[in-house]
Protein backbone atom coordinates (compact mmCIF):
# COMPACT_ATOMS: atom_id res chain seq x y z
CA MET A 1 0.00 0.00 0.00
CA LYS A 2 2.81 2.37 0.90
CA LYS A 3 4.42 1.66 -2.45
CA LEU A 4 1.10 2.48 -4.16
CA PHE A 5 0.78 5.90 -2.42
CA ALA A 6 4.40 6.64 -3.22
CA LEU A 7 3.84 5.75 -6.87
CA LEU A 8 0.68 7.93 -7.06
CA ALA A 9 2.49 10.84 -5.45
CA ALA A 10 5.36 10.54 -7.90
CA GLY A 11 2.95 10.34 -10.85
CA PHE A 12 1.03 13.40 -9.65
CA ALA A 13 4.28 15.31 -9.33
CA LEU A 14 5.15 14.45 -12.93
CA VAL A 15 1.79 15.45 -14.49
CA GLN A 16 0.97 18.42 -12.21
CA PRO A 17 2.78 20.97 -14.37
CA PHE A 18 0.57 20.05 -17.32
CA PHE A 19 -2.64 20.71 -15.38
CA ALA A 20 -1.47 23.77 -13.51
CA ALA A 21 -3.22 27.00 -14.50
CA GLU A 22 -1.20 29.06 -16.90
CA GLU A 23 0.25 32.06 -15.15
CA LYS A 24 -0.61 35.35 -16.78
CA PRO A 25 2.09 37.94 -17.14
CA ASN A 26 1.80 40.85 -14.76
CA ALA A 27 -0.38 43.67 -16.14
CA PRO A 28 1.54 46.89 -16.60
CA GLU A 29 1.10 49.25 -13.69
CA ALA A 30 -0.89 52.39 -14.33
CA ALA A 31 1.24 55.49 -14.72
CA PRO A 32 1.36 57.33 -11.41
CA LYS A 33 -0.70 60.47 -11.28
CA PRO A 34 1.39 63.61 -11.14
CA ALA A 35 1.48 65.07 -7.68
CA GLU A 36 -0.84 68.04 -7.28
CA LYS A 37 1.05 71.31 -7.19
CA LEU A 38 1.32 73.06 -3.87
CA TRP A 39 -0.53 76.35 -3.57
CA TYR A 40 2.59 78.48 -3.99
CA GLU A 41 3.55 76.56 -7.14
CA LYS A 42 0.31 77.74 -8.76
CA ILE A 43 1.20 81.42 -8.34
CA LYS A 44 3.33 83.53 -10.68
CA VAL A 45 4.69 86.83 -9.39
CA GLY A 46 6.08 89.70 -11.44
CA ALA A 47 7.12 93.26 -10.69
CA ASP A 48 8.05 96.45 -12.54
CA PHE A 49 9.46 99.82 -11.56
CA ARG A 50 9.59 103.16 -13.41
CA LEU A 51 11.61 106.25 -12.54
CA ARG A 52 10.38 109.42 -14.27
CA HIS A 53 11.43 113.05 -14.45
CA GLU A 54 9.07 115.50 -16.08
CA TYR A 55 8.92 119.15 -17.01
CA ILE A 56 5.58 120.99 -17.48
CA ASP A 57 4.90 124.41 -19.00
CA ASP A 58 1.20 125.32 -18.62
CA LYS A 59 0.17 128.76 -19.86
CA THR A 60 -3.25 128.51 -18.19
CA LYS A 61 -1.51 128.88 -14.82
CA ALA A 62 -0.84 132.20 -13.14
CA PRO A 63 2.51 133.90 -13.87
CA GLY A 64 5.19 132.36 -11.73
CA ALA A 65 3.31 129.06 -11.51
CA GLU A 66 3.43 128.18 -15.21
CA THR A 67 6.34 125.76 -15.03
CA ARG A 68 6.91 122.73 -12.88
CA SER A 69 9.70 120.17 -12.66
CA ARG A 70 9.29 116.98 -10.65
CA SER A 71 10.45 113.38 -10.28
CA ARG A 72 8.02 110.49 -9.89
CA ILE A 73 8.08 106.76 -9.36
CA ARG A 74 5.74 103.89 -10.18
CA ALA A 75 6.11 100.45 -8.61
CA ARG A 76 3.80 97.47 -9.24
CA VAL A 77 3.71 93.86 -8.05
CA THR A 78 1.42 91.37 -9.80
CA ALA A 79 0.40 87.89 -8.64
CA THR A 80 -1.48 85.45 -10.90
CA GLY A 81 -2.82 82.20 -9.45
CA LYS A 82 -4.42 79.21 -11.17
CA VAL A 83 -7.88 78.32 -9.82
CA SER A 84 -8.47 75.61 -12.42
CA ASP A 85 -7.40 74.79 -15.96
CA ASP A 86 -9.76 77.49 -17.24
CA SER A 87 -9.72 80.09 -14.46
CA GLU A 88 -7.21 82.31 -12.70
CA LEU A 89 -7.11 85.04 -10.08
CA VAL A 90 -5.08 88.20 -10.71
CA MET A 91 -4.06 90.73 -8.06
CA ARG A 92 -1.81 93.76 -8.51
CA PHE A 93 -0.58 96.29 -5.98
CA ALA A 94 0.75 99.63 -7.17
CA THR A 95 1.85 103.03 -5.97
CA GLY A 96 -0.54 105.92 -6.42
CA THR A 97 -3.46 107.38 -4.51
CA THR A 98 -6.95 106.11 -3.76
CA THR A 99 -8.53 109.23 -5.34
CA ASP A 100 -6.94 109.25 -8.82
CA PRO A 101 -8.14 106.43 -11.11
CA THR A 102 -5.87 107.46 -13.99
CA SER A 103 -2.41 107.39 -12.41
CA THR A 104 -0.22 105.08 -10.33
CA ASN A 105 2.60 107.64 -10.05
CA GLN A 106 3.94 108.99 -6.79
CA THR A 107 5.74 112.33 -6.72
CA LEU A 108 9.05 112.39 -4.86
CA GLY A 109 9.92 115.20 -2.49
CA ASP A 110 7.44 114.92 0.38
CA ASN A 111 9.95 115.22 3.23
CA PHE A 112 11.04 111.62 2.49
CA ALA A 113 7.62 110.34 3.60
CA ALA A 114 6.59 106.75 2.84
CA LYS A 115 4.54 106.23 -0.33
CA PRO A 116 1.14 104.49 -0.35
CA PHE A 117 0.73 101.10 -2.01
CA ASN A 118 -2.82 100.26 -3.13
CA LEU A 119 -4.89 97.47 -4.67
CA ASP A 120 -4.74 98.27 -8.40
CA LEU A 121 -6.21 95.06 -9.85
CA ALA A 122 -8.22 92.21 -8.30
CA TYR A 123 -10.25 90.02 -10.62
CA LEU A 124 -11.27 86.55 -11.72
CA LYS A 125 -10.63 85.55 -15.33
CA SER A 126 -12.51 82.47 -16.50
CA LYS A 127 -12.52 80.94 -19.97
CA LEU A 128 -16.11 79.72 -20.37
CA ASN A 129 -15.44 78.02 -23.72
CA ASP A 130 -13.07 78.32 -26.67
CA SER A 131 -14.45 81.72 -27.68
CA LEU A 132 -15.91 83.31 -24.52
CA THR A 133 -14.00 84.75 -21.53
CA PHE A 134 -15.45 86.29 -18.34
CA TYR A 135 -13.81 88.93 -16.12
CA GLY A 136 -15.12 90.08 -12.76
CA GLY A 137 -13.78 92.48 -10.10
CA LYS A 138 -11.40 95.39 -10.56
CA ILE A 139 -10.30 94.46 -14.06
CA LYS A 140 -8.06 95.58 -16.88
CA ASN A 141 -9.75 97.61 -19.62
CA PRO A 142 -11.43 94.92 -21.77
CA TYR A 143 -11.88 97.12 -24.87
CA VAL A 144 -9.78 97.34 -28.02
CA VAL A 145 -7.59 100.46 -27.88
CA PRO A 146 -6.05 101.19 -31.30
CA GLY A 147 -2.39 102.19 -31.09
CA GLU A 148 -2.73 102.37 -27.29
CA SER A 149 -4.78 105.53 -27.87
CA GLU A 150 -5.97 107.21 -24.67
CA LEU A 151 -8.71 109.23 -26.33
CA ILE A 152 -11.51 107.73 -24.20
CA TRP A 153 -9.66 105.74 -21.52
CA ASP A 154 -6.42 106.53 -19.71
CA GLY A 155 -3.99 103.62 -19.88
CA ASP A 156 -3.98 103.28 -16.07
CA LEU A 157 -7.77 103.14 -15.73
CA ASN A 158 -9.00 99.80 -14.35
CA PRO A 159 -12.83 99.62 -14.32
CA GLU A 160 -14.79 97.85 -11.58
CA GLY A 161 -17.53 95.39 -12.51
CA ALA A 162 -17.88 92.51 -14.96
CA ALA A 163 -17.06 92.01 -18.64
CA LEU A 164 -17.27 89.39 -21.38
CA GLN A 165 -14.96 89.01 -24.37
CA TRP A 166 -16.21 86.93 -27.29
CA GLN A 167 -13.87 86.03 -30.15
CA LEU A 168 -15.24 83.97 -33.06
CA SER A 169 -12.94 83.67 -36.07
CA THR A 170 -12.46 87.26 -37.27
CA PHE A 171 -15.38 88.68 -35.24
CA PHE A 172 -15.10 90.03 -31.69
CA LEU A 173 -17.49 91.45 -29.12
CA ASN A 174 -16.50 93.06 -25.80
CA ALA A 175 -19.22 94.06 -23.34
CA GLY A 176 -19.37 95.03 -19.70
CA ALA A 177 -21.20 96.76 -16.85
CA TYR A 178 -19.34 98.76 -14.19
CA TRP A 179 -19.84 100.84 -11.06
CA ALA A 180 -18.17 104.26 -11.35
CA LEU A 181 -19.32 105.88 -8.10
CA GLU A 182 -21.47 104.39 -5.32
CA ARG A 183 -23.72 106.97 -3.68
CA SER A 184 -25.48 106.13 -0.42
CA ALA A 185 -28.29 108.66 -0.87
CA ALA A 186 -28.70 108.79 -4.67
CA ALA A 187 -28.40 106.69 -7.81
CA ASP A 188 -24.96 105.22 -8.43
CA ALA A 189 -22.86 106.51 -11.33
CA SER A 190 -22.40 103.59 -13.70
CA LEU A 191 -21.13 102.58 -17.12
CA VAL A 192 -22.49 100.08 -19.61
CA GLY A 193 -20.31 99.55 -22.66
CA MET A 194 -20.14 97.39 -25.76
CA GLN A 195 -17.61 97.20 -28.56
CA THR A 196 -17.74 95.02 -31.66
CA GLY A 197 -15.74 94.62 -34.83
CA PHE A 198 -13.54 92.46 -37.03
CA GLN A 199 -9.86 91.57 -37.13
CA PHE A 200 -8.36 90.23 -40.36
CA LYS A 201 -4.84 89.00 -40.98
CA PRO A 202 -4.14 89.31 -44.70
CA GLY A 203 -0.60 88.08 -45.30
CA GLN A 204 1.70 89.34 -42.56
CA SER A 205 -0.48 92.34 -41.71
CA THR A 206 -3.35 92.77 -39.21
CA VAL A 207 -6.39 94.97 -39.81
CA THR A 208 -8.73 95.76 -36.89
CA ALA A 209 -11.87 97.90 -37.15
CA GLY A 210 -15.02 98.30 -35.10
CA VAL A 211 -17.50 100.46 -33.24
CA GLY A 212 -18.25 101.05 -29.58
CA LEU A 213 -21.20 102.32 -27.53
CA PHE A 214 -20.69 103.55 -23.95
CA ASP A 215 -23.45 104.92 -21.72
CA PHE A 216 -22.67 106.59 -18.38
CA GLY A 217 -25.61 106.54 -15.99
CA ALA A 218 -26.45 109.07 -13.23
CA VAL A 219 -23.84 111.64 -14.32
CA GLN A 220 -25.89 114.52 -15.73
CA ASN A 221 -27.01 116.99 -13.04
CA ARG A 222 -24.70 115.30 -10.53
CA ALA A 223 -21.56 116.56 -8.82
CA ALA A 224 -18.13 115.82 -10.26
CA LEU A 225 -16.76 112.29 -9.90
CA SER A 226 -14.30 113.41 -7.23
CA THR A 227 -14.18 114.29 -3.56
CA ALA A 228 -14.49 118.03 -4.18
CA ASN A 229 -16.93 120.06 -6.28
CA ALA A 230 -14.94 122.95 -7.71
CA ALA A 231 -14.93 123.81 -11.43
CA ALA A 232 -11.46 122.29 -11.77
CA ASN A 233 -12.84 118.87 -10.85
CA TYR A 234 -14.81 118.75 -14.11
CA LEU A 235 -11.50 118.76 -16.01
CA GLY A 236 -12.93 120.58 -19.01
CA ASN A 237 -16.43 119.05 -19.07
CA SER A 238 -19.29 121.57 -19.04
CA SER A 239 -20.82 122.27 -15.64
CA THR A 240 -23.83 124.25 -14.50
CA GLY A 241 -25.20 125.73 -11.30
CA ALA A 242 -23.93 127.95 -8.50
CA ALA A 243 -20.21 127.88 -7.73
CA ALA A 244 -20.82 125.97 -4.50
CA ALA A 245 -23.14 123.41 -6.12
CA LEU A 246 -21.85 122.73 -9.62
CA LYS A 247 -23.16 119.75 -11.60
CA TYR A 248 -22.41 118.08 -14.92
CA LYS A 249 -24.38 119.89 -17.59
CA TYR A 250 -24.66 116.97 -19.99
CA ASP A 251 -25.05 113.22 -20.13
CA TYR A 252 -22.30 111.07 -21.69
CA GLN A 253 -23.53 108.59 -24.29
CA LEU A 254 -20.51 107.90 -26.45
CA SER A 255 -20.30 106.38 -29.93
CA GLU A 256 -16.87 105.26 -31.09
CA PHE A 257 -15.32 104.20 -34.39
CA PHE A 258 -11.78 102.84 -34.47
CA ALA A 259 -9.39 101.26 -36.98
CA GLU A 260 -5.81 100.02 -36.90
CA TRP A 261 -3.53 98.57 -39.58
CA LYS A 262 -0.32 96.81 -38.54
CA PHE A 263 2.04 95.71 -41.29
CA TRP A 264 5.69 95.12 -42.13
CA ALA A 265 8.02 97.17 -44.31
CA GLY A 266 10.66 94.49 -44.85
CA SER A 267 11.69 93.53 -41.32
CA PHE A 268 10.36 96.79 -39.86
CA PRO A 269 6.93 96.84 -38.10
CA LEU A 270 4.63 99.79 -38.79
CA ALA A 271 1.16 100.76 -37.52
CA LEU A 272 -1.48 103.30 -38.58
CA TYR A 273 -4.50 103.93 -36.35
CA LEU A 274 -7.55 106.14 -35.88
CA ASP A 275 -9.97 106.63 -32.99
CA TYR A 276 -13.12 108.79 -33.24
CA VAL A 277 -15.74 109.47 -30.56
CA LYS A 278 -18.95 111.50 -30.35
CA ASN A 279 -21.17 112.28 -27.36
CA GLY A 280 -24.82 112.16 -28.40
CA ASP A 281 -26.13 114.59 -25.77
CA PRO A 282 -24.64 118.13 -25.96
CA GLY A 283 -25.22 119.12 -29.63
CA THR A 284 -22.00 121.15 -29.55
CA ASP A 285 -18.39 120.59 -28.43
CA GLU A 286 -19.20 116.88 -28.62
CA THR A 287 -16.54 115.18 -30.79
CA GLY A 288 -13.01 113.93 -30.33
CA TRP A 289 -10.55 112.18 -32.61
CA LEU A 290 -7.00 110.89 -32.60
CA CYS A 291 -4.85 109.60 -35.46
CA GLY A 292 -1.33 108.24 -35.19
CA VAL A 293 1.52 106.24 -36.63
CA GLY A 294 3.92 103.86 -34.93
CA PHE A 295 7.37 102.75 -36.10
CA GLY A 296 9.21 99.75 -34.68
CA LYS A 297 8.58 97.75 -31.50
CA ALA A 298 10.66 98.00 -28.33
CA ASN A 299 10.37 94.52 -26.81
CA LEU A 300 13.87 92.96 -26.89
CA LYS A 301 17.41 94.21 -26.30
CA GLY A 302 18.48 96.67 -29.00
CA THR A 303 14.98 97.29 -30.40
CA TRP A 304 13.29 100.69 -30.49
CA GLU A 305 9.95 102.31 -31.24
CA THR A 306 8.59 105.74 -32.14
CA ILE A 307 4.97 106.88 -31.90
CA LEU A 308 3.51 110.13 -33.20
CA ASN A 309 -0.14 111.11 -32.80
CA TYR A 310 -2.38 114.15 -33.05
CA ARG A 311 -5.72 114.59 -31.31
CA ARG A 312 -8.52 117.07 -30.82
CA VAL A 313 -10.88 116.58 -27.87
CA GLU A 314 -13.80 118.99 -27.47
CA LYS A 315 -15.21 119.86 -24.04
CA ASP A 316 -17.87 117.18 -23.80
CA ALA A 317 -16.62 114.56 -26.26
CA VAL A 318 -15.75 112.15 -23.42
CA LEU A 319 -16.06 111.97 -19.66
CA ALA A 320 -12.96 113.95 -18.65
CA ALA A 321 -12.35 112.06 -15.39
CA PHE A 322 -11.35 108.90 -17.30
CA THR A 323 -9.43 110.19 -20.34
CA ASP A 324 -5.65 110.62 -20.74
CA SER A 325 -4.18 112.30 -17.64
CA ASP A 326 -0.99 113.48 -19.43
CA PHE A 327 -2.43 115.17 -22.55
CA ILE A 328 -3.11 118.86 -21.67
CA GLY A 329 -2.53 117.86 -18.04
CA GLY A 330 -5.65 115.67 -18.03
CA GLY A 331 -9.23 116.13 -19.20
CA THR A 332 -10.86 117.57 -22.31
CA ASP A 333 -10.96 120.82 -24.32
CA GLY A 334 -7.59 120.62 -26.06
CA LYS A 335 -5.64 119.57 -29.13
CA GLY A 336 -2.08 118.84 -30.14
CA LEU A 337 0.77 116.43 -30.78
CA GLU A 338 2.31 113.64 -28.74
CA PHE A 339 5.70 112.14 -29.59
CA GLN A 340 7.18 109.01 -27.95
CA PHE A 341 10.50 107.24 -28.38
CA GLY A 342 11.60 104.11 -26.53
CA TYR A 343 14.74 101.96 -26.62
CA MET A 344 15.45 98.59 -24.94
CA PHE A 345 18.91 98.59 -23.33
CA THR A 346 18.32 94.98 -22.22
CA ASP A 347 15.31 92.65 -22.39
CA LYS A 348 14.22 94.06 -18.99
CA PHE A 349 15.45 97.68 -19.07
CA LYS A 350 13.87 100.40 -21.21
CA GLY A 351 14.48 104.10 -21.65
CA ALA A 352 11.75 106.37 -23.09
CA ILE A 353 10.85 109.99 -23.88
CA ASP A 354 7.25 111.24 -24.11
CA TYR A 355 6.67 114.83 -25.30
CA PHE A 356 3.37 116.73 -25.58
CA ASP A 357 2.99 119.96 -27.59
CA ASN A 358 -0.64 120.90 -26.97
CA SER A 359 -3.13 123.74 -26.94
CA LYS A 360 -5.35 123.84 -23.87
CA VAL A 361 -8.83 125.46 -23.82
CA LEU A 362 -9.75 125.37 -27.52
CA ALA A 363 -11.51 128.76 -27.47
CA ALA A 364 -8.41 130.51 -26.07
CA SER A 365 -5.65 128.22 -27.40
CA LYS A 366 -3.37 128.29 -24.35
CA ASP A 367 -0.02 126.52 -24.83
CA TYR A 368 0.68 123.39 -22.83
CA ARG A 369 3.95 121.48 -23.09
CA ARG A 370 5.08 118.45 -21.15
CA ALA A 371 8.24 116.31 -21.40
CA MET A 372 8.65 113.01 -19.54
CA PHE A 373 11.88 110.99 -19.33
CA ASP A 374 11.49 107.40 -18.15
CA LEU A 375 13.69 104.53 -17.03
CA SER A 376 11.70 101.31 -16.64
CA PHE A 377 12.71 97.92 -15.22
CA LYS A 378 10.80 94.64 -14.90
CA ILE A 379 11.37 91.20 -13.45
C-alpha cells in the first residue's frame, strides 16, 4: 500500500505541471498620477518699476506758476494664481493714490515720507469656452484700444464690474457693466459699454476695425466724480449751477469708431491707427478724434519704437475724469501732438521719452507742453 501511495504521489508530481493553471504575465502598472502642485507653485509673481522726471509748461496757470519740474516713481507687483485649468485670479498692488483712477505715479519730495501702495487690480478671469471669456472684479480695460490711444480711456484706468470678451474667427465682441461711483443717498454713477468689430490678418499684416457704444448713468445733473466740487474737478467738461453746487451739464452717451492697420516694411513693423468718438447729448463741443503712426517695436534688447499722434478733444466729447491724464494735463478741451520714443537697453530695461505739444482750452488756445523721461525695469 505504501508503495502504491508513493507511486501515485510521484505520478502526480510528474503530471501536475501540465494541469497547472497558466500564469498570466503581470499587467503593466498604471502610470502614477502627477502630484498636485502646492498652492505656492500655482502662483506667478512679477514686478516692474519706473523712474520718471518730467517738465511741465502750462500757460493757463498764473505767472510764476506756469512751469513745474518733478520726479516720480511707479512700482507694481502682480500675482497670478491658477484656480483651475480654465480660471485664474489676478491681483496687482501699485503706488498711487486712492482718489486718482488714472495714475499710479507717486511724486518724490514729500519730506522723504513713505509712499502708499494700493490694490490696483483684483479680478477673476474664467474661460467659459473656446471663444468666450469672463472677467469680474477690478479688471483691466477689456476694450480694443487702437495704437494704445488714450482718447476715451487713460492707460492706467482699471474699471470695476464685470465684462465678457467673445472672439469667433475674425469677429469680436467686448461688453461690460461697471460701477463708477457708489452713492449712499442717490443713484450710483455707472457705465455700460459694448464694442464690436472684425480683425483680419491678410498676409503678414493685421487689420482691426469696429465700433463702440458707452453709456454713463447718473452723471448729468450730478456733482463731479471726485471728492471736491470745484470747477477744476470737471477737467474741461461743461458744468452748470452755482459755484458751490456745480453739476455736470450733460449726459455722456458715447459712440466710437476705431481702426488700426499693422504691417511690415521688410523687417520693420509699422502701424497706422484712428480713434473717433462723439457724445450724443450736448449738440455742440461733442466730438473727439486721434490719429497716429507707430514705427518699430521696443520689446527685446536693441529694439526701439517711435509713436507720433495728433488729437482734438472737445469739451464734452468724453467723460474727462477717465481720459488721458498726461495730454493737456488731463481732461478735455484741447488739441495737439504727442511724440514718444523708446529703446530697450536689455530685455528688462527700457528708456523712453514722451513729449506733448498741446493747446489747452480750444476757445483761447493756451499753450501746454510736457516732457517726460522714463527709465523702466521689470522682473
